[in-house]
Structure formats: C-alpha cells, structure tokens
Amino acid sequence: MLKSYKHQSGIALATALLFLLVVTIIAVTAANNSALGLKMSTNMQDSYKSFQAAEAGIYGTMALAGTAQDPFNRQPIVNDPFTGLSGAHPLRNVADDPNNPDASNVDVDVILIGIDRTCPRPPGGRGGSSVGVFDCDYYHIQSEHRLPGRARTQVELGVVKTVIGSG
C-alpha cells in the first residue's frame, strides 16, 4: 500500500494546482470584464443625461418665444434667457439641485445672426405676394451641459423668426 503512494510522485497535487490556476485566471478575467462593462454603462448614462439636459436648454429657450422673457427680440446676444425666472424655470428638473435651478450646469446663449433678411421659402413658393411684406430674423441657439469630469454635450439650433418687413 505504501508503494502506490510513492509511485504517484505528486501528480495529483500538480493537477489540482494547475486546475486552480486556470479557474483563477478565468475568474479574474470575468471580474475585469464586468467592471469594464459597468464603467461603460455609467459613461453612457452620463452621456445620455448630459444630452437630454442640453436639449432641454434648447426646448426651454424655444418655449420662451412670445412671452415677456422672449429671447428673440433683436438683441445681439442673450447670455442667459432664463434670468428672472424662479418657480417656472424650464430647467428646474434637470438642475443638479432641484431647489436651486439657477445652479444648473446648462449654459444657453441666443445669438442674433441677421435681421430683416428674406425668409426661406420652398422652391414652389418663391416670388409670391408676401415677398417684401414679411422678413425674417435669424438666430442661433447654443446649449451646453457640463458634468465636470463625467460628460459634456453641446447642442445647437438655428431659429428663423418671421417679422413684418419694411417693404
């Protein structure tokens, strides 16, 4: 009986250690892939949140058209179209602190590109009777959201406002 143990020469131990090494490598690789997947999903979530906040800045600015806070009033640049809005601040739901919407990381600028220009018309509508009666003002809205160290998104939109022309 002692002879059978002497002839094994530790092959069972070597096999067990090799098996444990393979299992350990597989476990470490799986943990690394899981951590990488979690990091990627967090980055995507931050990116989507940043895009939605920047887009909300555009839609919030558009919602101010025709109100007392209308940013499309021929000023060369409107740095913060939401100045003076408190309870009805359009970005209150995307602010970092919902109780203080002015602390939002969304920066919106409205830039006047041109005034009293011809309005865009489809090819079939050119030369109509409203030429010279209606002119258009052109604006550029830039909305940027910053989540320091995590995500940054900038959304831009061109706006055409029809006004009664000079002619």
Protein backbone atom coordinates (compact mmCIF):
# COMPACT_ATOMS: atom_id res chain seq x y z
CA MET A 1 0.00 0.00 0.00
CA LEU A 2 2.86 2.40 0.74
CA LYS A 3 4.36 1.59 -2.64
CA SER A 4 1.38 3.03 -4.53
CA TYR A 5 1.76 6.42 -2.84
CA LYS A 6 5.47 6.54 -3.64
CA HIS A 7 4.89 5.99 -7.34
CA GLN A 8 2.39 8.85 -7.69
CA SER A 9 5.17 11.44 -7.29
CA GLY A 10 2.76 14.37 -6.57
CA ILE A 11 0.91 14.27 -9.89
CA ALA A 12 -2.45 14.85 -8.15
CA LEU A 13 -1.09 17.95 -6.44
CA ALA A 14 0.28 19.36 -9.70
CA THR A 15 -3.00 18.69 -11.49
CA ALA A 16 -5.01 20.37 -8.72
CA LEU A 17 -2.73 23.43 -8.73
CA LEU A 18 -2.95 23.72 -12.50
CA PHE A 19 -6.75 23.47 -12.32
CA LEU A 20 -6.87 26.18 -9.61
CA LEU A 21 -4.63 28.43 -11.72
CA VAL A 22 -6.94 28.12 -14.74
CA VAL A 23 -10.05 28.80 -12.62
CA THR A 24 -8.35 31.85 -11.03
CA ILE A 25 -7.42 33.29 -14.44
CA ILE A 26 -10.99 32.82 -15.68
CA ALA A 27 -12.41 34.48 -12.54
CA VAL A 28 -10.04 37.47 -12.76
CA THR A 29 -10.87 37.95 -16.46
CA ALA A 30 -14.61 37.77 -15.77
CA ALA A 31 -14.32 40.30 -12.92
CA ASN A 32 -12.30 42.65 -15.12
CA ASN A 33 -14.84 42.42 -17.95
CA SER A 34 -17.69 43.02 -15.52
CA ALA A 35 -16.01 46.13 -14.10
CA LEU A 36 -15.32 47.42 -17.61
CA GLY A 37 -18.96 46.84 -18.63
CA LEU A 38 -20.18 48.68 -15.54
CA LYS A 39 -17.90 51.62 -16.30
CA MET A 40 -19.08 51.77 -19.93
CA SER A 41 -22.75 51.72 -18.91
CA THR A 42 -22.13 54.51 -16.39
CA ASN A 43 -20.42 56.59 -19.09
CA MET A 44 -23.34 56.04 -21.47
CA GLN A 45 -25.82 57.01 -18.75
CA ASP A 46 -23.87 60.22 -18.05
CA SER A 47 -23.72 60.95 -21.78
CA TYR A 48 -27.48 60.49 -22.22
CA LYS A 49 -28.23 62.63 -19.18
CA SER A 50 -25.94 65.37 -20.48
CA PHE A 51 -27.52 65.29 -23.95
CA GLN A 52 -31.03 65.44 -22.51
CA ALA A 53 -30.11 68.40 -20.30
CA ALA A 54 -28.54 70.31 -23.22
CA GLU A 55 -31.57 69.54 -25.39
CA ALA A 56 -33.85 70.73 -22.58
CA GLY A 57 -31.99 74.06 -22.72
CA ILE A 58 -32.91 74.39 -26.40
CA TYR A 59 -36.57 73.48 -25.85
CA GLY A 60 -36.78 75.73 -22.78
CA THR A 61 -35.46 78.66 -24.81
CA MET A 62 -37.94 77.98 -27.61
CA ALA A 63 -40.76 77.91 -25.05
CA LEU A 64 -39.93 81.50 -24.06
CA ALA A 65 -40.77 82.81 -27.55
CA GLY A 66 -43.73 85.20 -27.43
CA THR A 67 -43.57 85.66 -23.65
CA ALA A 68 -42.30 88.56 -21.55
CA GLN A 69 -38.90 86.77 -21.44
CA ASP A 70 -38.73 86.37 -25.26
CA PRO A 71 -35.03 85.91 -26.16
CA PHE A 72 -35.73 86.56 -29.86
CA ASN A 73 -36.01 90.35 -29.58
CA ARG A 74 -33.13 91.53 -31.81
CA GLN A 75 -30.50 91.71 -29.09
CA PRO A 76 -27.05 90.78 -30.43
CA ILE A 77 -26.57 88.13 -27.74
CA VAL A 78 -28.67 86.84 -24.85
CA ASN A 79 -26.34 85.02 -22.44
CA ASP A 80 -28.97 83.56 -20.13
CA PRO A 81 -32.54 83.67 -21.42
CA PHE A 82 -33.82 82.24 -18.12
CA THR A 83 -32.71 85.19 -15.96
CA GLY A 84 -35.55 86.31 -13.72
CA LEU A 85 -37.49 83.05 -13.86
CA SER A 86 -37.81 81.38 -10.48
CA GLY A 87 -40.66 78.93 -9.89
CA ALA A 88 -41.36 78.38 -13.57
CA HIS A 89 -37.72 77.87 -14.57
CA PRO A 90 -37.83 75.45 -17.52
CA LEU A 91 -34.64 73.67 -16.47
CA ARG A 92 -35.63 73.08 -12.85
CA ASN A 93 -35.99 69.33 -13.43
CA VAL A 94 -32.52 68.88 -14.92
CA ALA A 95 -30.70 71.08 -12.39
CA ASP A 96 -28.17 69.46 -10.10
CA ASP A 97 -30.16 70.87 -7.17
CA PRO A 98 -33.91 70.98 -8.00
CA ASN A 99 -34.42 73.56 -5.22
CA ASN A 100 -31.96 75.91 -6.91
CA PRO A 101 -32.47 75.80 -10.71
CA ASP A 102 -30.07 78.71 -11.19
CA ALA A 103 -27.24 76.35 -10.19
CA SER A 104 -27.85 74.28 -13.32
CA ASN A 105 -24.91 73.11 -15.40
CA VAL A 106 -26.80 74.06 -18.58
CA ASP A 107 -25.50 77.20 -20.28
CA VAL A 108 -27.75 78.64 -23.02
CA ASP A 109 -26.85 81.50 -25.36
CA VAL A 110 -29.03 83.06 -28.08
CA ILE A 111 -27.04 84.82 -30.81
CA LEU A 112 -28.58 87.14 -33.40
CA ILE A 113 -27.24 86.23 -36.85
CA GLY A 114 -29.16 88.65 -39.08
CA ILE A 115 -32.24 90.89 -39.14
CA ASP A 116 -34.70 91.83 -41.89
CA ARG A 117 -33.46 89.13 -44.27
CA THR A 118 -35.53 87.27 -46.82
CA CYS A 119 -37.44 84.33 -45.42
CA PRO A 120 -36.71 80.78 -46.55
CA ARG A 121 -39.35 79.53 -48.97
CA PRO A 122 -39.84 76.24 -50.76
CA PRO A 123 -38.96 76.29 -54.49
CA GLY A 124 -42.64 76.44 -55.50
CA GLY A 125 -43.37 79.35 -53.17
CA ARG A 126 -40.79 81.83 -54.43
CA GLY A 127 -41.91 85.11 -55.92
CA GLY A 128 -45.23 85.15 -54.03
CA SER A 129 -47.17 88.19 -52.88
CA SER A 130 -45.64 88.20 -49.37
CA VAL A 131 -42.12 88.95 -50.63
CA GLY A 132 -41.10 92.25 -49.07
CA VAL A 133 -44.06 92.18 -46.67
CA PHE A 134 -42.57 89.60 -44.32
CA ASP A 135 -38.90 89.48 -43.42
CA CYS A 136 -37.08 87.10 -41.12
CA ASP A 137 -34.65 87.42 -38.25
CA TYR A 138 -32.11 84.62 -37.90
CA TYR A 139 -30.91 83.37 -34.51
CA HIS A 140 -28.51 80.70 -33.32
CA ILE A 141 -29.13 78.91 -30.00
CA GLN A 142 -26.23 77.17 -28.26
CA SER A 143 -26.98 74.98 -25.27
CA GLU A 144 -24.16 73.29 -23.38
CA HIS A 145 -24.35 70.96 -20.40
CA ARG A 146 -21.29 70.16 -18.31
CA LEU A 147 -21.00 67.47 -15.71
CA PRO A 148 -17.40 68.07 -14.57
CA GLY A 149 -15.21 65.02 -15.01
CA ARG A 150 -18.06 62.95 -16.42
CA ALA A 151 -19.80 64.33 -19.53
CA ARG A 152 -20.13 67.41 -21.72
CA THR A 153 -22.65 67.97 -24.52
CA GLN A 154 -23.30 70.94 -26.78
CA VAL A 155 -26.48 71.20 -28.87
CA GLU A 156 -27.03 73.97 -31.42
CA LEU A 157 -30.17 75.05 -33.26
CA GLY A 158 -30.93 77.69 -35.86
CA VAL A 159 -34.16 79.67 -35.47
CA VAL A 160 -35.97 81.82 -38.02
CA LYS A 161 -38.47 84.39 -36.71
CA THR A 162 -40.90 85.94 -39.18
CA VAL A 163 -41.45 89.69 -38.72
CA ILE A 164 -43.39 92.31 -40.66
CA GLY A 165 -40.96 93.68 -43.25
CA SER A 166 -40.07 97.17 -44.33
CA GLY A 167 -41.30 96.95 -47.81
